[in-house]
Amino acid sequence: MGSWLSSATTDRSLTRSSERPLGLGDIPENCLAMVLAYLDPPDICNLARTSRSFHRASSADFIWEPKLPENYRILSEKLMSYKGSCECLIKKEIYAGLCCPVRFSSGRKEVWMDKEGGGICMLVSWKGMKITGIDDRRYWSYIPTLQSRFHTIAYLHQIWWLEVEGDVDFELPAGRYSLYFRLKLGRPSNKQCSTTTHQIHGWNIKPVRFQFSVSNGEHATSEHFLNEQGKWLRYHVGDFVIENSYKPTKINFSMTQIDCTHQKGGLSLDSVFICDNKLDMQEMLYHACKD
């Protein structure tokens, strides 16, 4: 009997010593994936770094497909052709690929998907616009600068008639979008974020008119006096709604000041910014001018 008690005690001791606290790594991966599906992409990626189980679970297609634009197949084929056929990619890879900025239209336009909100953003460089007198060095200069995502801006010395026009034709996902012009009174200098302002004149007399029209019939007009010097500002032209994600939408935009009673000068023109209205606007505007 003493031998039996000794054996039983030893067995219980071995059982206790083999026990360990359960952790997240012990949860089945399909359960982890179901939890991750409720999180935002940055949180999913952060958890994927914590363990192999989370990393494997984070690759489930059902997590990422609802976070992709409904026309993601069109966008991925158009913007990710450098990766080969997108049919071979999992949804997580497609999401990551769409978040990488891609240049098109001879490098004059750029599009990407916001990592957090999943909305589409687009930039149009001044090089992709029609600008009155742009090839005449009496009026305009091209200035290389780190203050632009495209690493160059158009600087207006002086002109009587200011007219800037451009357009985009793209399969934007359904949603509400905002359009901005990025301008600055002053000339960027060689020093990063530095500006000279001594040539600024003529912008406080009459407002600048901004307009856009969309192929679905929407249009907007806004007018702004350009008063603040030495600082990049984004002038909101208006908002528009896209309902059909699978049909290309054409957007024509313009900026004019055609009152010929006075000259205007000292203006830097960088780009036009179009973004999904549901995104954090301040965050988007910050990233729109960074590489």
C-alpha atoms as a PDB file:
ATOM      1  CA  MET A   1       0.000   0.000   0.000  1.00  0.00           C
ATOM      2  CA  GLY A   2       2.848   2.342   0.803  1.00  0.00           C
ATOM      3  CA  SER A   3       4.259   1.634  -2.616  1.00  0.00           C
ATOM      4  CA  TRP A   4       0.913   2.537  -4.244  1.00  0.00           C
ATOM      5  CA  LEU A   5       0.668   5.849  -2.357  1.00  0.00           C
ATOM      6  CA  SER A   6       4.205   6.724  -3.356  1.00  0.00           C
ATOM      7  CA  SER A   7       3.433   5.986  -7.015  1.00  0.00           C
ATOM      8  CA  ALA A   8       0.212   8.055  -6.970  1.00  0.00           C
ATOM      9  CA  THR A   9       1.970  11.006  -5.364  1.00  0.00           C
ATOM     10  CA  THR A  10       4.727  10.873  -7.968  1.00  0.00           C
ATOM     11  CA  ASP A  11       2.164  10.802 -10.840  1.00  0.00           C
ATOM     12  CA  ARG A  12       0.342  13.892  -9.497  1.00  0.00           C
ATOM     13  CA  SER A  13       3.663  15.692  -9.080  1.00  0.00           C
ATOM     14  CA  LEU A  14       4.642  14.944 -12.694  1.00  0.00           C
ATOM     15  CA  THR A  15       1.234  16.153 -13.926  1.00  0.00           C
ATOM     16  CA  ARG A  16       1.554  19.460 -12.066  1.00  0.00           C
ATOM     17  CA  SER A  17       5.089  19.990 -13.323  1.00  0.00           C
ATOM     18  CA  SER A  18       4.000  19.418 -16.939  1.00  0.00           C
ATOM     19  CA  GLU A  19       1.162  21.939 -16.695  1.00  0.00           C
ATOM     20  CA  ARG A  20       1.796  25.488 -18.024  1.00  0.00           C
ATOM     21  CA  PRO A  21      -0.362  28.602 -18.285  1.00  0.00           C
ATOM     22  CA  LEU A  22      -2.281  28.833 -21.542  1.00  0.00           C
ATOM     23  CA  GLY A  23      -1.511  31.830 -23.769  1.00  0.00           C
ATOM     24  CA  LEU A  24      -2.824  33.430 -26.950  1.00  0.00           C
ATOM     25  CA  GLY A  25      -0.572  31.124 -28.924  1.00  0.00           C
ATOM     26  CA  ASP A  26      -2.711  28.179 -27.806  1.00  0.00           C
ATOM     27  CA  ILE A  27      -5.875  29.584 -29.398  1.00  0.00           C
ATOM     28  CA  PRO A  28      -6.713  27.937 -32.742  1.00  0.00           C
ATOM     29  CA  GLU A  29      -5.635  30.060 -35.685  1.00  0.00           C
ATOM     30  CA  ASN A  30      -9.126  30.197 -37.172  1.00  0.00           C
ATOM     31  CA  CYS A  31     -10.379  31.718 -33.904  1.00  0.00           C
ATOM     32  CA  LEU A  32      -7.561  34.279 -33.932  1.00  0.00           C
ATOM     33  CA  ALA A  33      -8.428  35.163 -37.518  1.00  0.00           C
ATOM     34  CA  MET A  34     -12.068  35.771 -36.577  1.00  0.00           C
ATOM     35  CA  VAL A  35     -10.944  38.220 -33.891  1.00  0.00           C
ATOM     36  CA  LEU A  36      -8.502  39.971 -36.239  1.00  0.00           C
ATOM     37  CA  ALA A  37     -11.280  40.504 -38.789  1.00  0.00           C
ATOM     38  CA  TYR A  38     -12.817  43.113 -36.450  1.00  0.00           C
ATOM     39  CA  LEU A  39      -9.612  45.166 -36.199  1.00  0.00           C
ATOM     40  CA  ASP A  40      -8.172  47.911 -38.388  1.00  0.00           C
ATOM     41  CA  PRO A  41      -5.250  47.007 -40.692  1.00  0.00           C
ATOM     42  CA  PRO A  42      -2.519  48.685 -38.564  1.00  0.00           C
ATOM     43  CA  ASP A  43      -3.675  46.761 -35.478  1.00  0.00           C
ATOM     44  CA  ILE A  44      -3.757  43.499 -37.426  1.00  0.00           C
ATOM     45  CA  CYS A  45      -0.206  44.031 -38.646  1.00  0.00           C
ATOM     46  CA  ASN A  46       1.026  44.912 -35.150  1.00  0.00           C
ATOM     47  CA  LEU A  47      -0.462  41.735 -33.682  1.00  0.00           C
ATOM     48  CA  ALA A  48       0.962  39.676 -36.552  1.00  0.00           C
ATOM     49  CA  ARG A  49       4.435  40.582 -35.291  1.00  0.00           C
ATOM     50  CA  THR A  50       3.801  39.209 -31.806  1.00  0.00           C
ATOM     51  CA  SER A  51       3.756  35.473 -32.592  1.00  0.00           C
ATOM     52  CA  ARG A  52       3.798  32.934 -35.392  1.00  0.00           C
ATOM     53  CA  SER A  53       0.191  32.027 -34.668  1.00  0.00           C
ATOM     54  CA  PHE A  54      -0.975  35.607 -35.122  1.00  0.00           C
ATOM     55  CA  HIS A  55       1.200  35.973 -38.217  1.00  0.00           C
ATOM     56  CA  ARG A  56      -0.347  32.932 -39.874  1.00  0.00           C
ATOM     57  CA  ALA A  57      -3.863  33.880 -38.789  1.00  0.00           C
ATOM     58  CA  SER A  58      -3.470  37.415 -40.186  1.00  0.00           C
ATOM     59  CA  SER A  59      -3.117  36.054 -43.731  1.00  0.00           C
ATOM     60  CA  ALA A  60      -6.693  34.764 -43.969  1.00  0.00           C
ATOM     61  CA  ASP A  61      -8.469  36.165 -47.024  1.00  0.00           C
ATOM     62  CA  PHE A  62     -11.765  36.727 -45.182  1.00  0.00           C
ATOM     63  CA  ILE A  63      -9.984  39.282 -42.952  1.00  0.00           C
ATOM     64  CA  TRP A  64      -8.787  41.480 -45.795  1.00  0.00           C
ATOM     65  CA  GLU A  65     -11.387  41.182 -48.540  1.00  0.00           C
ATOM     66  CA  PRO A  66     -14.019  43.355 -46.745  1.00  0.00           C
ATOM     67  CA  LYS A  67     -11.340  46.018 -46.196  1.00  0.00           C
ATOM     68  CA  LEU A  68     -10.468  46.230 -49.898  1.00  0.00           C
ATOM     69  CA  PRO A  69     -12.311  48.554 -52.326  1.00  0.00           C
ATOM     70  CA  GLU A  70     -15.106  46.722 -54.129  1.00  0.00           C
ATOM     71  CA  ASN A  71     -13.253  47.200 -57.435  1.00  0.00           C
ATOM     72  CA  TYR A  72      -9.937  45.992 -56.021  1.00  0.00           C
ATOM     73  CA  ARG A  73      -9.477  43.549 -58.895  1.00  0.00           C
ATOM     74  CA  ILE A  74      -9.517  46.416 -61.415  1.00  0.00           C
ATOM     75  CA  LEU A  75      -7.192  48.517 -59.257  1.00  0.00           C
ATOM     76  CA  SER A  76      -4.760  45.684 -58.600  1.00  0.00           C
ATOM     77  CA  GLU A  77      -4.507  44.766 -62.281  1.00  0.00           C
ATOM     78  CA  LYS A  78      -3.983  48.421 -63.154  1.00  0.00           C
ATOM     79  CA  LEU A  79      -1.565  49.394 -60.391  1.00  0.00           C
ATOM     80  CA  MET A  80       0.193  46.149 -59.481  1.00  0.00           C
ATOM     81  CA  SER A  81       1.100  44.698 -62.875  1.00  0.00           C
ATOM     82  CA  TYR A  82       4.742  44.877 -61.769  1.00  0.00           C
ATOM     83  CA  LYS A  83       3.966  42.011 -59.360  1.00  0.00           C
ATOM     84  CA  GLY A  84       2.721  39.789 -62.164  1.00  0.00           C
ATOM     85  CA  SER A  85      -0.718  38.192 -62.119  1.00  0.00           C
ATOM     86  CA  CYS A  86      -2.715  39.265 -59.074  1.00  0.00           C
ATOM     87  CA  GLU A  87      -4.653  35.995 -59.227  1.00  0.00           C
ATOM     88  CA  CYS A  88      -1.692  34.411 -57.424  1.00  0.00           C
ATOM     89  CA  LEU A  89      -1.734  36.902 -54.542  1.00  0.00           C
ATOM     90  CA  ILE A  90      -3.624  36.525 -51.288  1.00  0.00           C
ATOM     91  CA  LYS A  91      -5.876  39.416 -50.240  1.00  0.00           C
ATOM     92  CA  LYS A  92      -3.375  40.622 -47.631  1.00  0.00           C
ATOM     93  CA  GLU A  93      -0.723  41.007 -50.346  1.00  0.00           C
ATOM     94  CA  ILE A  94      -3.156  42.872 -52.584  1.00  0.00           C
ATOM     95  CA  TYR A  95      -4.008  45.253 -49.720  1.00  0.00           C
ATOM     96  CA  ALA A  96      -0.318  45.904 -49.061  1.00  0.00           C
ATOM     97  CA  GLY A  97       0.383  46.369 -52.772  1.00  0.00           C
ATOM     98  CA  LEU A  98      -2.385  48.941 -53.225  1.00  0.00           C
ATOM     99  CA  CYS A  99      -1.000  50.924 -50.281  1.00  0.00           C
ATOM    100  CA  CYS A 100       2.271  51.465 -52.173  1.00  0.00           C
ATOM    101  CA  PRO A 101       2.182  54.735 -54.185  1.00  0.00           C
ATOM    102  CA  VAL A 102       2.248  54.091 -57.932  1.00  0.00           C
ATOM    103  CA  ARG A 103       3.093  56.684 -60.577  1.00  0.00           C
ATOM    104  CA  PHE A 104       1.310  56.730 -63.935  1.00  0.00           C
ATOM    105  CA  SER A 105       0.708  59.105 -66.851  1.00  0.00           C
ATOM    106  CA  SER A 106       4.480  59.433 -67.441  1.00  0.00           C
ATOM    107  CA  GLY A 107       5.102  59.934 -63.717  1.00  0.00           C
ATOM    108  CA  ARG A 108       2.857  63.007 -63.522  1.00  0.00           C
ATOM    109  CA  LYS A 109       0.159  61.384 -61.424  1.00  0.00           C
ATOM    110  CA  GLU A 110       0.290  59.158 -58.369  1.00  0.00           C
ATOM    111  CA  VAL A 111      -2.294  56.977 -56.664  1.00  0.00           C
ATOM    112  CA  TRP A 112      -2.302  54.873 -53.502  1.00  0.00           C
ATOM    113  CA  MET A 113      -4.645  53.411 -50.899  1.00  0.00           C
ATOM    114  CA  ASP A 114      -4.602  54.699 -47.345  1.00  0.00           C
ATOM    115  CA  LYS A 115      -3.196  52.038 -45.005  1.00  0.00           C
ATOM    116  CA  GLU A 116      -5.639  52.752 -42.202  1.00  0.00           C
ATOM    117  CA  GLY A 117      -8.910  53.679 -43.857  1.00  0.00           C
ATOM    118  CA  GLY A 118      -8.624  51.837 -47.160  1.00  0.00           C
ATOM    119  CA  GLY A 119      -9.637  54.904 -49.190  1.00  0.00           C
ATOM    120  CA  ILE A 120      -8.013  55.863 -52.491  1.00  0.00           C
ATOM    121  CA  CYS A 121      -5.854  59.000 -52.723  1.00  0.00           C
ATOM    122  CA  MET A 122      -4.487  60.653 -55.847  1.00  0.00           C
ATOM    123  CA  LEU A 123      -2.009  63.417 -56.647  1.00  0.00           C
ATOM    124  CA  VAL A 124      -1.645  65.273 -59.943  1.00  0.00           C
ATOM    125  CA  SER A 125       1.660  67.103 -60.383  1.00  0.00           C
ATOM    126  CA  TRP A 126       1.718  70.545 -61.985  1.00  0.00           C
ATOM    127  CA  LYS A 127       3.537  68.784 -64.845  1.00  0.00           C
ATOM    128  CA  GLY A 128       0.275  66.978 -65.584  1.00  0.00           C
ATOM    129  CA  MET A 129      -1.619  70.269 -66.010  1.00  0.00           C
ATOM    130  CA  LYS A 130      -2.042  72.811 -68.787  1.00  0.00           C
ATOM    131  CA  ILE A 131      -0.681  76.145 -67.526  1.00  0.00           C
ATOM    132  CA  THR A 132      -0.826  79.411 -69.449  1.00  0.00           C
ATOM    133  CA  GLY A 133       2.693  80.622 -70.268  1.00  0.00           C
ATOM    134  CA  ILE A 134       4.423  77.691 -68.562  1.00  0.00           C
ATOM    135  CA  ASP A 135       7.145  77.467 -71.241  1.00  0.00           C
ATOM    136  CA  ASP A 136       7.981  81.184 -71.092  1.00  0.00           C
ATOM    137  CA  ARG A 137      10.727  81.795 -68.520  1.00  0.00           C
ATOM    138  CA  ARG A 138       9.598  85.401 -68.145  1.00  0.00           C
ATOM    139  CA  TYR A 139       6.552  84.030 -66.360  1.00  0.00           C
ATOM    140  CA  TRP A 140       7.363  80.632 -64.880  1.00  0.00           C
ATOM    141  CA  SER A 141      10.353  78.678 -63.543  1.00  0.00           C
ATOM    142  CA  TYR A 142      10.717  75.002 -62.611  1.00  0.00           C
ATOM    143  CA  ILE A 143      12.269  74.686 -59.161  1.00  0.00           C
ATOM    144  CA  PRO A 144      13.612  71.395 -57.737  1.00  0.00           C
ATOM    145  CA  THR A 145      12.696  71.084 -54.069  1.00  0.00           C
ATOM    146  CA  LEU A 146      12.162  68.510 -51.326  1.00  0.00           C
ATOM    147  CA  GLN A 147       9.000  70.408 -50.387  1.00  0.00           C
ATOM    148  CA  SER A 148       7.129  68.534 -53.120  1.00  0.00           C
ATOM    149  CA  ARG A 149       6.352  64.837 -53.369  1.00  0.00           C
ATOM    150  CA  PHE A 150       7.265  65.130 -57.061  1.00  0.00           C
ATOM    151  CA  HIS A 151      10.523  66.933 -56.123  1.00  0.00           C
ATOM    152  CA  THR A 152       9.753  69.955 -58.311  1.00  0.00           C
ATOM    153  CA  ILE A 153       7.275  72.853 -58.341  1.00  0.00           C
ATOM    154  CA  ALA A 154       6.247  75.555 -60.818  1.00  0.00           C
ATOM    155  CA  TYR A 155       7.028  79.089 -59.641  1.00  0.00           C
ATOM    156  CA  LEU A 156       5.171  82.085 -61.091  1.00  0.00           C
ATOM    157  CA  HIS A 157       7.283  85.252 -61.396  1.00  0.00           C
ATOM    158  CA  GLN A 158       4.481  87.435 -62.709  1.00  0.00           C
ATOM    159  CA  ILE A 159       1.591  87.257 -65.161  1.00  0.00           C
ATOM    160  CA  TRP A 160      -1.569  89.118 -66.117  1.00  0.00           C
ATOM    161  CA  TRP A 161      -3.689  86.080 -66.960  1.00  0.00           C
ATOM    162  CA  LEU A 162      -3.437  82.999 -64.711  1.00  0.00           C
ATOM    163  CA  GLU A 163      -5.082  79.827 -65.934  1.00  0.00           C
ATOM    164  CA  VAL A 164      -4.314  76.269 -64.796  1.00  0.00           C
ATOM    165  CA  GLU A 165      -6.281  73.247 -66.037  1.00  0.00           C
ATOM    166  CA  GLY A 166      -6.003  69.499 -65.593  1.00  0.00           C
ATOM    167  CA  ASP A 167      -7.925  66.249 -65.497  1.00  0.00           C
ATOM    168  CA  VAL A 168      -7.868  62.664 -64.271  1.00  0.00           C
ATOM    169  CA  ASP A 169      -9.677  59.646 -65.690  1.00  0.00           C
ATOM    170  CA  PHE A 170      -9.696  56.748 -63.234  1.00  0.00           C
ATOM    171  CA  GLU A 171     -11.804  53.949 -61.715  1.00  0.00           C
ATOM    172  CA  LEU A 172     -12.282  55.532 -58.299  1.00  0.00           C
ATOM    173  CA  PRO A 173     -14.124  53.281 -55.820  1.00  0.00           C
ATOM    174  CA  ALA A 174     -17.617  54.385 -54.825  1.00  0.00           C
ATOM    175  CA  GLY A 175     -17.572  57.039 -52.115  1.00  0.00           C
ATOM    176  CA  ARG A 176     -17.380  60.746 -51.396  1.00  0.00           C
ATOM    177  CA  TYR A 177     -14.203  62.579 -52.422  1.00  0.00           C
ATOM    178  CA  SER A 178     -12.600  65.971 -51.810  1.00  0.00           C
ATOM    179  CA  LEU A 179     -10.379  67.941 -54.202  1.00  0.00           C
ATOM    180  CA  TYR A 180      -7.646  70.414 -53.191  1.00  0.00           C
ATOM    181  CA  PHE A 181      -5.024  72.612 -54.859  1.00  0.00           C
ATOM    182  CA  ARG A 182      -1.652  72.743 -53.054  1.00  0.00           C
ATOM    183  CA  LEU A 183      -0.148  76.242 -53.321  1.00  0.00           C
ATOM    184  CA  LYS A 184       2.245  78.541 -51.524  1.00  0.00           C
ATOM    185  CA  LEU A 185       2.893  82.271 -51.704  1.00  0.00           C
ATOM    186  CA  GLY A 186       6.665  82.512 -51.969  1.00  0.00           C
ATOM    187  CA  ARG A 187       9.564  80.789 -53.681  1.00  0.00           C
ATOM    188  CA  PRO A 188      11.118  77.656 -52.118  1.00  0.00           C
ATOM    189  CA  SER A 189      14.820  78.124 -51.439  1.00  0.00           C
ATOM    190  CA  ASN A 190      17.590  75.532 -51.411  1.00  0.00           C
ATOM    191  CA  LYS A 191      17.179  75.090 -47.678  1.00  0.00           C
ATOM    192  CA  GLN A 192      14.502  72.580 -46.722  1.00  0.00           C
ATOM    193  CA  CYS A 193      11.184  74.235 -45.759  1.00  0.00           C
ATOM    194  CA  SER A 194      12.661  77.710 -46.351  1.00  0.00           C
ATOM    195  CA  THR A 195      10.882  80.287 -48.541  1.00  0.00           C
ATOM    196  CA  THR A 196      11.606  83.743 -49.948  1.00  0.00           C
ATOM    197  CA  THR A 197       8.584  86.061 -50.151  1.00  0.00           C
ATOM    198  CA  HIS A 198       9.820  89.378 -51.546  1.00  0.00           C
ATOM    199  CA  GLN A 199       8.289  88.911 -55.050  1.00  0.00           C
ATOM    200  CA  ILE A 200       4.706  88.250 -53.900  1.00  0.00           C
ATOM    201  CA  HIS A 201       2.165  90.680 -55.350  1.00  0.00           C
ATOM    202  CA  GLY A 202      -1.371  90.980 -56.705  1.00  0.00           C
ATOM    203  CA  TRP A 203      -3.184  88.245 -54.771  1.00  0.00           C
ATOM    204  CA  ASN A 204      -5.058  90.463 -52.316  1.00  0.00           C
ATOM    205  CA  ILE A 205      -6.996  92.396 -54.972  1.00  0.00           C
ATOM    206  CA  LYS A 206      -9.265  89.734 -56.468  1.00  0.00           C
ATOM    207  CA  PRO A 207      -9.848  86.126 -55.362  1.00  0.00           C
ATOM    208  CA  VAL A 208      -8.614  83.084 -57.262  1.00  0.00           C
ATOM    209  CA  ARG A 209     -11.387  80.904 -58.644  1.00  0.00           C
ATOM    210  CA  PHE A 210     -11.150  77.109 -58.294  1.00  0.00           C
ATOM    211  CA  GLN A 211     -13.482  74.755 -60.149  1.00  0.00           C
ATOM    212  CA  PHE A 212     -14.056  71.126 -61.031  1.00  0.00           C
ATOM    213  CA  SER A 213     -16.591  69.127 -63.011  1.00  0.00           C
ATOM    214  CA  VAL A 214     -17.160  65.372 -62.915  1.00  0.00           C
ATOM    215  CA  SER A 215     -18.338  63.122 -65.734  1.00  0.00           C
ATOM    216  CA  ASN A 216     -21.399  62.184 -63.646  1.00  0.00           C
ATOM    217  CA  GLY A 217     -22.620  65.796 -63.821  1.00  0.00           C
ATOM    218  CA  GLU A 218     -21.368  67.074 -60.469  1.00  0.00           C
ATOM    219  CA  HIS A 219     -19.414  70.322 -60.294  1.00  0.00           C
ATOM    220  CA  ALA A 220     -18.169  72.800 -57.715  1.00  0.00           C
ATOM    221  CA  THR A 221     -16.700  76.311 -57.575  1.00  0.00           C
ATOM    222  CA  SER A 222     -14.901  78.086 -54.751  1.00  0.00           C
ATOM    223  CA  GLU A 223     -13.044  81.389 -54.482  1.00  0.00           C
ATOM    224  CA  HIS A 224     -10.143  82.177 -52.173  1.00  0.00           C
ATOM    225  CA  PHE A 225      -7.931  85.179 -51.572  1.00  0.00           C
ATOM    226  CA  LEU A 226      -4.313  84.059 -51.309  1.00  0.00           C
ATOM    227  CA  ASN A 227      -3.065  85.900 -48.238  1.00  0.00           C
ATOM    228  CA  GLU A 228      -0.859  83.661 -46.091  1.00  0.00           C
ATOM    229  CA  GLN A 229       2.780  83.777 -47.163  1.00  0.00           C
ATOM    230  CA  GLY A 230       5.590  81.243 -46.863  1.00  0.00           C
ATOM    231  CA  LYS A 231       3.412  78.246 -46.054  1.00  0.00           C
ATOM    232  CA  TRP A 232       2.031  75.418 -48.175  1.00  0.00           C
ATOM    233  CA  LEU A 233      -1.766  75.467 -48.054  1.00  0.00           C
ATOM    234  CA  ARG A 234      -4.404  73.245 -49.597  1.00  0.00           C
ATOM    235  CA  TYR A 235      -7.353  75.122 -51.004  1.00  0.00           C
ATOM    236  CA  HIS A 236     -10.535  73.066 -50.869  1.00  0.00           C
ATOM    237  CA  VAL A 237     -12.431  73.238 -54.155  1.00  0.00           C
ATOM    238  CA  GLY A 238     -15.330  70.968 -53.195  1.00  0.00           C
ATOM    239  CA  ASP A 239     -16.630  67.423 -52.758  1.00  0.00           C
ATOM    240  CA  PHE A 240     -18.175  64.955 -55.182  1.00  0.00           C
ATOM    241  CA  VAL A 241     -19.723  61.474 -55.014  1.00  0.00           C
ATOM    242  CA  ILE A 242     -18.787  58.394 -57.039  1.00  0.00           C
ATOM    243  CA  GLU A 243     -21.487  55.715 -57.272  1.00  0.00           C
ATOM    244  CA  ASN A 244     -20.099  53.310 -59.887  1.00  0.00           C
ATOM    245  CA  SER A 245     -16.748  51.774 -58.930  1.00  0.00           C
ATOM    246  CA  TYR A 246     -16.384  49.863 -62.178  1.00  0.00           C
ATOM    247  CA  LYS A 247     -16.672  52.770 -64.605  1.00  0.00           C
ATOM    248  CA  PRO A 248     -13.838  55.292 -65.135  1.00  0.00           C
ATOM    249  CA  THR A 249     -14.681  58.728 -63.748  1.00  0.00           C
ATOM    250  CA  LYS A 250     -13.272  61.812 -65.462  1.00  0.00           C
ATOM    251  CA  ILE A 251     -12.621  64.898 -63.351  1.00  0.00           C
ATOM    252  CA  ASN A 252     -11.698  68.250 -64.920  1.00  0.00           C
ATOM    253  CA  PHE A 253     -10.315  70.900 -62.575  1.00  0.00           C
ATOM    254  CA  SER A 254      -9.061  74.454 -62.953  1.00  0.00           C
ATOM    255  CA  MET A 255      -7.622  77.446 -61.142  1.00  0.00           C
ATOM    256  CA  THR A 256      -7.987  80.931 -62.664  1.00  0.00           C
ATOM    257  CA  GLN A 257      -7.379  84.593 -61.934  1.00  0.00           C
ATOM    258  CA  ILE A 258      -8.031  86.363 -65.226  1.00  0.00           C
ATOM    259  CA  ASP A 259      -8.583  89.948 -64.079  1.00  0.00           C
ATOM    260  CA  CYS A 260      -6.083  91.721 -66.341  1.00  0.00           C
ATOM    261  CA  THR A 261      -6.195  95.024 -64.438  1.00  0.00           C
ATOM    262  CA  HIS A 262      -3.217  93.957 -62.341  1.00  0.00           C
ATOM    263  CA  GLN A 263      -0.274  91.555 -62.396  1.00  0.00           C
ATOM    264  CA  LYS A 264       0.116  88.594 -60.068  1.00  0.00           C
ATOM    265  CA  GLY A 265       3.354  86.934 -58.981  1.00  0.00           C
ATOM    266  CA  GLY A 266       5.327  85.070 -56.349  1.00  0.00           C
ATOM    267  CA  LEU A 267       3.180  81.907 -56.373  1.00  0.00           C
ATOM    268  CA  SER A 268       4.372  78.285 -56.112  1.00  0.00           C
ATOM    269  CA  LEU A 269       2.167  75.566 -57.620  1.00  0.00           C
ATOM    270  CA  ASP A 270       2.724  71.963 -56.583  1.00  0.00           C
ATOM    271  CA  SER A 271      -0.205  69.634 -57.197  1.00  0.00           C
ATOM    272  CA  VAL A 272      -3.879  68.757 -56.994  1.00  0.00           C
ATOM    273  CA  PHE A 273      -4.885  66.281 -54.282  1.00  0.00           C
ATOM    274  CA  ILE A 274      -7.976  64.046 -54.475  1.00  0.00           C
ATOM    275  CA  CYS A 275      -8.881  61.784 -51.555  1.00  0.00           C
ATOM    276  CA  ASP A 276     -11.699  59.766 -50.051  1.00  0.00           C
ATOM    277  CA  ASN A 277     -13.675  62.085 -47.788  1.00  0.00           C
ATOM    278  CA  LYS A 278     -13.995  59.506 -44.986  1.00  0.00           C
ATOM    279  CA  LEU A 279     -10.265  59.531 -44.305  1.00  0.00           C
ATOM    280  CA  ASP A 280      -8.558  61.602 -41.623  1.00  0.00           C
ATOM    281  CA  MET A 281      -8.059  64.759 -43.661  1.00  0.00           C
ATOM    282  CA  GLN A 282      -5.204  66.242 -41.655  1.00  0.00           C
ATOM    283  CA  GLU A 283      -3.316  62.951 -41.734  1.00  0.00           C
ATOM    284  CA  MET A 284      -3.912  62.566 -45.477  1.00  0.00           C
ATOM    285  CA  LEU A 285      -2.800  66.095 -46.272  1.00  0.00           C
ATOM    286  CA  TYR A 286       0.371  65.512 -44.262  1.00  0.00           C
ATOM    287  CA  HIS A 287       1.258  62.298 -46.091  1.00  0.00           C
ATOM    288  CA  ALA A 288       0.329  63.751 -49.487  1.00  0.00           C
ATOM    289  CA  CYS A 289       3.440  65.938 -49.467  1.00  0.00           C
ATOM    290  CA  LYS A 290       5.828  63.200 -48.243  1.00  0.00           C
ATOM    291  CA  ASP A 291       7.636  60.489 -50.163  1.00  0.00           C
END
